[in-house]
Structures are given as structure tokens and as C-alpha cells.
Amino acid sequence: MSKKILVVDDEADIVRLLKYNLEKEGFDVIAAQDGKAAIEKAQTRPDLIVLDVMMPQMDGWEVIRELKKKKETADIPVLFLTAKESEIDEVLGLELGADDYIIKPISPRKLVARIKATLRRNDASAAPADLQDILHLPHIIINIPNYSVKVDKQEVFFPKKEFEVLSLLARKRGRVVTREELLDSVWGKGVYVVDRTIDVHIRKIREKLNRHADMIETVKGVGYRIKGDE
């Protein structure tokens, strides 16, 4: 079955170009040219969304915030494709839960390759877990099949990549997990991801762990670990 891609951009020429190249690769493509239409079409559960930032009615930042706070759309991978090239914008996009942040212009061939890589990672992470299903940490319970986390007995929402980073650290509790291992395990080998992506995700995870944030230790120049039993 063909994967469905939602392309969101207010420039009709870009939408047509992306639609042509994606359909040539066998994807089904739906399109929206403003943020509100994007929210509506995301309810059809596309396999991935290519999202511009600067759009009428709702910009890309508002769109991804809405998508990530609704359970039905929170796990749809989002790739920002935008002319906003500052580091602040890129970090903001990652903090809001984007799977990739791509600066215009980019060749259609490279964009298709990035889309395919994101879909592969998403499919791999959706495979049944072959490790223990429930991970118990002090005051924290991680349910792998349900993609759910309870902190102090209260369920806290973690976007997919944050959940996978936390789960990997929890599985290897007491051991250092290198930045390279996190990138390879969560984003996939040979996939380009900016180095600060890990830092952004760790910071967001710590915020959600609240008073237990110091459970995740930074091992300078190496990686991170969750404290083992004292």
C-alpha cells in the first residue's frame, strides 16, 4: 500500500513540484496551502507531513503544536521545509517535535531521500518490542507497547522521539549511552541529524520528568545515563 504524504505550503508552485516528484516515487499526495487546512487534512492520518513555516492563518509552529497535542495526530512524522534558516528556528522546530528540519532550496531527489529515511525510521520504531514491555524506574513507569509514561502515577505525554530516547536510557539504566548510540538507535544509521537534536530532546525529557529531572545525568563529552540503583 502506498504511503500518504501531506504537503503543506502556501506557494502553489512548490506544492506542484513536490506533488509531482513524490507521486513519481509512488507516494499518494494530498496538499494544503494554509495552516487551518493542514490541521483538517491531518485528520486523515497521512504517513508523513511536509510542513512550511511561513503561511497564512496559522504558521507552521502553530500547526505542529496543534498536531502534537492531539493523540490522533501526535505520532505523525513532521518534516519542516522552510526558508527560515537561523539556528534558533531550527532548534525551535526540533523542540516542537519535528523529525527533520530542511532548509529551502533543496533538490527534489534529496528531499525524497530524507522523506524515505524518516518513514523507514518510523516503521522500524513501530515494530513490536523484543525487550521487556514495561520499564520501572523510581517514580516513573514506561509502557513500551502503549508509548505511555507515568511520572508520579500521572500520565505525561512524550512525543515519539522523546519517548524512544527515554526508553533507551531506561533499558540501559546505570550505563552510559553515547550520543552516537542514541542517534543510531533512535534516528537510524547513516541519517543526517544535527548534533544538537540530542540536547534538545534530553532537555524536553528533563522538563517532563519535573522533580526527577536529575535522574538523567550528562557524561560530558560522551553521552547520557539514567542513574542506577544506589
Foldseek 3Di string as FASTA:
>chain_A
DAAEEEEEAQDPVVLVVLCVLVVVVPHHYDYYDALVVVLVVCLVPGQAYEAEADGPPHGPLRNLLVQCVDPSRNARAYEYEYQPPDPVVQLSCLLSPHLYYHHPPDDSVVVVVLVVLQSVLSVVLLPDDPDDQWFDDVQWIAGSNVRWMGGVNHIDDDRDLLSVLVVVQRVVAQDFDFLVNSCCNRRNPPHDDDSCSLVSSLVVNLVRNPVCSVQWDADPPGGIHGHDDD
